[in-house]
């Protein structure tokens, strides 16, 4: 007997590519920083190997980094740090979907959170 595909029972939804940003074969929503306090929120960047963390700059004083902030195709997640009352808190955006691309169509599969 053939084993069932583990994704068989996961809801699937066709997603128009235009609603997302693409990095290699991964589609995602750009992280929304509009609700963060711009005077206390900083971009965190990394080198091409995902190492050497750098506080790039405050989100209201610098342009969004063009490299090193995130590359979902290489599993480099978008990070910001907020600072309040001498406490630093890191925020990370990790895609919760996996995608299949077939020609001009893409399908999103909801990933199980463990």
N, C-alpha and C. Protein backbone atom coordinates (compact mmCIF):
# COMPACT_ATOMS: atom_id res chain seq x y z
N UNK A 1 0.84 -1.18 0.00
CA UNK A 1 0.00 0.00 0.00
C UNK A 1 0.89 1.25 0.00
N UNK A 2 0.47 2.25 -0.76
CA UNK A 2 1.22 3.49 -0.87
C UNK A 2 0.98 4.38 0.34
N UNK A 3 2.07 4.97 0.86
CA UNK A 3 1.96 5.89 2.00
C UNK A 3 1.28 7.18 1.55
N UNK A 4 0.35 7.73 2.34
CA UNK A 4 -0.26 9.01 1.97
C UNK A 4 0.76 10.14 2.08
N UNK A 5 0.62 11.11 1.20
CA UNK A 5 1.48 12.29 1.24
C UNK A 5 1.18 13.05 2.53
N UNK A 6 2.22 13.41 3.29
CA UNK A 6 1.98 14.08 4.58
C UNK A 6 1.29 15.43 4.41
N UNK A 7 1.40 16.04 3.23
CA UNK A 7 0.74 17.32 2.98
C UNK A 7 -0.70 17.15 2.50
N UNK A 8 -1.15 15.93 2.34
CA UNK A 8 -2.46 15.65 1.77
C UNK A 8 -3.60 16.32 2.52
N UNK A 9 -3.50 16.40 3.83
CA UNK A 9 -4.59 16.95 4.64
C UNK A 9 -4.39 18.42 5.00
N UNK A 10 -3.35 19.04 4.47
CA UNK A 10 -3.10 20.45 4.75
C UNK A 10 -3.88 21.27 3.73
N UNK A 11 -4.68 22.26 4.18
CA UNK A 11 -5.43 23.08 3.22
C UNK A 11 -4.50 23.75 2.22
N UNK A 12 -4.93 23.84 0.99
CA UNK A 12 -4.12 24.46 -0.07
C UNK A 12 -4.90 25.62 -0.67
N UNK A 13 -4.18 26.65 -1.12
CA UNK A 13 -4.82 27.81 -1.71
C UNK A 13 -3.95 28.32 -2.84
N UNK A 14 -4.54 28.60 -3.99
CA UNK A 14 -3.79 29.21 -5.09
C UNK A 14 -3.59 30.68 -4.75
N UNK A 15 -2.37 31.16 -4.92
CA UNK A 15 -2.02 32.53 -4.56
C UNK A 15 -1.55 33.28 -5.80
N UNK A 16 -2.14 34.42 -6.12
CA UNK A 16 -1.63 35.22 -7.24
C UNK A 16 -0.25 35.76 -6.89
N UNK A 17 0.72 35.56 -7.76
CA UNK A 17 2.10 35.98 -7.49
C UNK A 17 2.22 37.48 -7.23
N UNK A 18 1.36 38.29 -7.83
CA UNK A 18 1.49 39.73 -7.72
C UNK A 18 1.30 40.25 -6.30
N UNK A 19 0.70 39.47 -5.41
CA UNK A 19 0.49 39.91 -4.03
C UNK A 19 1.74 39.74 -3.16
N UNK A 20 2.76 39.13 -3.70
CA UNK A 20 3.92 38.77 -2.91
C UNK A 20 5.19 39.28 -3.56
N UNK A 21 6.24 39.32 -2.76
CA UNK A 21 7.58 39.60 -3.24
C UNK A 21 8.26 38.25 -3.46
N UNK A 22 9.08 38.14 -4.48
CA UNK A 22 9.76 36.87 -4.76
C UNK A 22 11.24 37.00 -4.46
N UNK A 23 11.81 35.99 -3.82
CA UNK A 23 13.24 35.83 -3.65
C UNK A 23 13.54 34.40 -4.04
N UNK A 24 14.27 34.26 -5.13
CA UNK A 24 14.51 32.93 -5.70
C UNK A 24 13.15 32.26 -5.90
N UNK A 25 12.88 31.11 -5.31
CA UNK A 25 11.60 30.44 -5.53
C UNK A 25 10.67 30.58 -4.34
N UNK A 26 10.92 31.54 -3.45
CA UNK A 26 10.09 31.75 -2.27
C UNK A 26 9.33 33.06 -2.42
N UNK A 27 8.02 33.03 -2.20
CA UNK A 27 7.17 34.21 -2.25
C UNK A 27 6.73 34.55 -0.83
N UNK A 28 6.69 35.84 -0.51
CA UNK A 28 6.36 36.24 0.86
C UNK A 28 5.84 37.66 0.86
N UNK A 29 5.12 38.01 1.94
CA UNK A 29 4.76 39.41 2.18
C UNK A 29 5.97 40.09 2.80
N UNK A 30 6.23 41.31 2.37
CA UNK A 30 7.31 42.09 2.97
C UNK A 30 6.91 42.40 4.42
N UNK A 31 7.82 42.23 5.38
CA UNK A 31 7.47 42.55 6.77
C UNK A 31 6.97 43.99 6.91
N UNK A 32 5.90 44.16 7.66
CA UNK A 32 5.27 45.46 7.87
C UNK A 32 5.74 46.03 9.20
N UNK A 33 6.49 47.10 9.13
CA UNK A 33 7.03 47.74 10.34
C UNK A 33 6.24 48.97 10.77
N UNK A 34 5.09 49.21 10.14
CA UNK A 34 4.36 50.45 10.38
C UNK A 34 3.86 50.61 11.80
N UNK A 35 3.66 49.56 12.54
CA UNK A 35 3.15 49.65 13.92
C UNK A 35 4.28 49.70 14.96
N UNK A 36 5.52 49.57 14.51
CA UNK A 36 6.65 49.64 15.43
C UNK A 36 7.01 51.10 15.69
N UNK A 37 7.50 51.38 16.89
CA UNK A 37 7.97 52.72 17.22
C UNK A 37 9.25 52.98 16.41
N UNK A 38 9.22 53.90 15.45
CA UNK A 38 10.39 54.10 14.60
C UNK A 38 11.61 54.63 15.34
N UNK A 39 11.40 55.25 16.48
CA UNK A 39 12.53 55.78 17.25
C UNK A 39 13.21 54.73 18.10
N UNK A 40 12.64 53.53 18.14
CA UNK A 40 13.22 52.47 18.98
C UNK A 40 13.37 51.15 18.22
N UNK A 41 13.26 51.19 16.89
CA UNK A 41 13.31 49.97 16.09
C UNK A 41 14.45 50.06 15.09
N UNK A 42 15.25 49.01 15.01
CA UNK A 42 16.44 48.99 14.18
C UNK A 42 16.45 47.74 13.30
N UNK A 43 16.91 47.91 12.04
CA UNK A 43 17.12 46.76 11.18
C UNK A 43 18.34 45.98 11.66
N UNK A 44 18.25 44.66 11.59
CA UNK A 44 19.38 43.79 11.90
C UNK A 44 19.78 43.11 10.60
N UNK A 45 21.04 43.21 10.22
CA UNK A 45 21.51 42.58 8.98
C UNK A 45 22.59 41.55 9.28
N UNK A 46 22.82 40.70 8.29
CA UNK A 46 23.82 39.62 8.40
C UNK A 46 24.60 39.55 7.10
N UNK A 47 25.77 38.91 7.15
CA UNK A 47 26.53 38.72 5.92
C UNK A 47 25.88 37.62 5.08
N UNK A 48 26.47 37.33 3.90
CA UNK A 48 25.88 36.37 2.98
C UNK A 48 25.80 34.95 3.53
N UNK A 49 26.51 34.66 4.61
CA UNK A 49 26.47 33.34 5.24
C UNK A 49 25.53 33.30 6.44
N UNK A 50 24.80 34.40 6.68
CA UNK A 50 23.90 34.45 7.82
C UNK A 50 24.62 34.66 9.13
N UNK A 51 25.84 35.15 9.08
CA UNK A 51 26.67 35.38 10.26
C UNK A 51 26.92 36.88 10.43
N UNK A 52 27.67 37.24 11.44
CA UNK A 52 28.13 38.61 11.67
C UNK A 52 26.97 39.62 11.73
N UNK A 53 26.19 39.50 12.76
CA UNK A 53 25.05 40.41 12.97
C UNK A 53 25.52 41.85 13.09
N UNK A 54 24.78 42.74 12.42
CA UNK A 54 25.05 44.17 12.47
C UNK A 54 23.74 44.91 12.69
N UNK A 55 23.74 45.89 13.59
CA UNK A 55 22.58 46.77 13.73
C UNK A 55 22.74 47.81 12.63
N UNK A 56 21.91 47.69 11.60
CA UNK A 56 22.05 48.48 10.37
C UNK A 56 21.68 49.94 10.57
N UNK A 57 20.62 50.18 11.31
CA UNK A 57 20.19 51.56 11.55
C UNK A 57 18.73 51.62 11.95
N UNK A 58 18.37 52.77 12.50
CA UNK A 58 16.99 52.97 12.95
C UNK A 58 16.08 53.08 11.73
N UNK A 59 14.90 52.47 11.79
CA UNK A 59 14.04 52.38 10.61
C UNK A 59 13.54 53.72 10.10
N UNK A 60 13.55 54.76 10.94
CA UNK A 60 13.11 56.07 10.47
C UNK A 60 14.27 56.93 9.95
N UNK A 61 15.49 56.42 10.03
CA UNK A 61 16.66 57.21 9.61
C UNK A 61 17.41 56.63 8.43
N UNK A 62 17.18 55.37 8.12
CA UNK A 62 17.89 54.74 7.00
C UNK A 62 16.87 54.05 6.09
N UNK A 63 17.26 53.89 4.84
CA UNK A 63 16.44 53.12 3.90
C UNK A 63 16.53 51.65 4.29
N UNK A 64 15.49 50.90 3.96
CA UNK A 64 15.51 49.46 4.20
C UNK A 64 16.75 48.88 3.53
N UNK A 65 17.49 48.02 4.22
CA UNK A 65 18.70 47.45 3.63
C UNK A 65 18.39 46.69 2.34
N UNK A 66 19.25 46.86 1.34
CA UNK A 66 19.04 46.15 0.07
C UNK A 66 19.65 44.76 0.11
N UNK A 67 20.58 44.52 1.02
CA UNK A 67 21.16 43.18 1.19
C UNK A 67 21.33 42.91 2.68
N UNK A 68 21.31 41.66 3.05
CA UNK A 68 21.61 41.26 4.42
C UNK A 68 20.45 41.31 5.38
N UNK A 69 19.33 41.94 4.99
CA UNK A 69 18.20 41.99 5.93
C UNK A 69 17.44 40.69 5.88
N UNK A 70 17.10 40.22 4.71
CA UNK A 70 16.48 38.91 4.58
C UNK A 70 16.69 38.35 3.19
N UNK A 71 16.75 37.04 3.12
CA UNK A 71 16.77 36.31 1.87
C UNK A 71 16.10 34.98 2.18
N UNK A 72 14.80 34.93 1.99
CA UNK A 72 14.05 33.74 2.37
C UNK A 72 14.46 32.51 1.57
N UNK A 73 14.94 32.71 0.35
CA UNK A 73 15.42 31.57 -0.44
C UNK A 73 16.61 30.89 0.21
N UNK A 74 17.39 31.66 0.98
CA UNK A 74 18.57 31.11 1.67
C UNK A 74 18.33 30.96 3.17
N UNK A 75 17.06 31.05 3.59
CA UNK A 75 16.66 30.91 4.98
C UNK A 75 17.32 31.95 5.89
N UNK A 76 17.49 33.15 5.38
CA UNK A 76 17.97 34.28 6.16
C UNK A 76 16.74 35.13 6.47
N UNK A 77 16.25 35.03 7.70
CA UNK A 77 14.98 35.65 8.08
C UNK A 77 15.15 37.14 8.35
N UNK A 78 14.09 37.90 8.11
CA UNK A 78 14.09 39.33 8.40
C UNK A 78 14.04 39.53 9.91
N UNK A 79 14.90 40.40 10.41
CA UNK A 79 14.96 40.67 11.84
C UNK A 79 15.00 42.17 12.09
N UNK A 80 14.33 42.59 13.15
CA UNK A 80 14.51 43.93 13.69
C UNK A 80 14.69 43.76 15.19
N UNK A 81 15.26 44.78 15.80
CA UNK A 81 15.39 44.79 17.25
C UNK A 81 14.73 46.07 17.74
N UNK A 82 13.97 45.94 18.83
CA UNK A 82 13.39 47.12 19.48
C UNK A 82 14.08 47.28 20.83
N UNK A 83 14.25 48.52 21.23
CA UNK A 83 14.91 48.81 22.50
C UNK A 83 13.98 49.69 23.33
N UNK A 84 13.65 49.21 24.53
CA UNK A 84 12.80 49.98 25.44
C UNK A 84 13.21 49.65 26.88
N UNK A 85 13.37 50.66 27.67
CA UNK A 85 13.74 50.48 29.08
C UNK A 85 14.98 49.60 29.23
N UNK A 86 15.99 49.87 28.41
CA UNK A 86 17.26 49.11 28.43
C UNK A 86 17.08 47.62 28.15
N UNK A 87 16.00 47.25 27.47
CA UNK A 87 15.77 45.86 27.09
C UNK A 87 15.66 45.77 25.58
N UNK A 88 16.45 44.87 24.98
CA UNK A 88 16.39 44.64 23.54
C UNK A 88 15.51 43.43 23.27
N UNK A 89 14.60 43.58 22.32
CA UNK A 89 13.72 42.49 21.91
C UNK A 89 13.87 42.29 20.41
N UNK A 90 14.15 41.07 20.00
CA UNK A 90 14.30 40.74 18.59
C UNK A 90 12.97 40.24 18.03
N UNK A 91 12.65 40.66 16.80
CA UNK A 91 11.45 40.24 16.08
C UNK A 91 11.91 39.60 14.78
N UNK A 92 11.38 38.45 14.47
CA UNK A 92 11.80 37.70 13.29
C UNK A 92 10.60 37.32 12.45
N UNK A 93 10.70 37.49 11.13
CA UNK A 93 9.65 37.08 10.19
C UNK A 93 10.11 35.82 9.49
N UNK A 94 9.41 34.73 9.73
CA UNK A 94 9.71 33.45 9.09
C UNK A 94 8.48 33.06 8.28
N UNK A 95 8.65 32.78 6.99
CA UNK A 95 7.49 32.39 6.19
C UNK A 95 6.80 31.16 6.79
N UNK A 96 5.46 31.14 6.76
CA UNK A 96 4.69 30.03 7.30
C UNK A 96 4.07 29.19 6.19
N UNK A 97 4.51 29.39 5.00
CA UNK A 97 3.96 28.68 3.86
C UNK A 97 5.10 28.12 3.02
N UNK A 98 4.80 27.07 2.29
CA UNK A 98 5.75 26.64 1.26
C UNK A 98 5.00 26.71 -0.05
N UNK A 99 5.73 26.89 -1.13
CA UNK A 99 5.12 27.17 -2.41
C UNK A 99 5.61 26.22 -3.48
N UNK A 100 4.74 25.96 -4.43
CA UNK A 100 5.11 25.27 -5.66
C UNK A 100 4.82 26.23 -6.79
N UNK A 101 5.75 26.32 -7.73
CA UNK A 101 5.56 27.19 -8.87
C UNK A 101 5.41 26.31 -10.10
N UNK A 102 4.31 26.49 -10.81
CA UNK A 102 4.04 25.74 -12.03
C UNK A 102 3.74 26.75 -13.12
N UNK A 103 4.74 27.04 -13.94
CA UNK A 103 4.54 28.04 -15.00
C UNK A 103 4.28 29.40 -14.39
N UNK A 104 3.13 30.00 -14.72
CA UNK A 104 2.76 31.31 -14.19
C UNK A 104 1.90 31.20 -12.94
N UNK A 105 1.71 30.01 -12.43
CA UNK A 105 0.87 29.80 -11.25
C UNK A 105 1.71 29.36 -10.06
N UNK A 106 1.27 29.71 -8.89
CA UNK A 106 1.93 29.22 -7.68
C UNK A 106 0.85 28.69 -6.74
N UNK A 107 1.21 27.72 -5.94
CA UNK A 107 0.30 27.16 -4.94
C UNK A 107 0.95 27.31 -3.58
N UNK A 108 0.18 27.72 -2.59
CA UNK A 108 0.69 27.86 -1.23
C UNK A 108 0.19 26.70 -0.40
N UNK A 109 1.09 26.14 0.40
CA UNK A 109 0.74 25.07 1.31
C UNK A 109 0.99 25.58 2.71
N UNK A 110 -0.02 25.53 3.55
CA UNK A 110 0.13 25.99 4.92
C UNK A 110 0.99 25.01 5.69
N UNK A 111 2.01 25.50 6.37
CA UNK A 111 2.93 24.65 7.12
C UNK A 111 2.40 24.45 8.53
N UNK A 112 2.63 23.29 9.06
CA UNK A 112 2.24 23.02 10.43
C UNK A 112 3.21 23.69 11.39
N UNK A 113 2.68 24.32 12.40
CA UNK A 113 3.52 24.95 13.42
C UNK A 113 3.65 23.97 14.57
N UNK A 114 4.86 23.65 14.94
CA UNK A 114 5.09 22.68 16.02
C UNK A 114 5.59 23.34 17.26
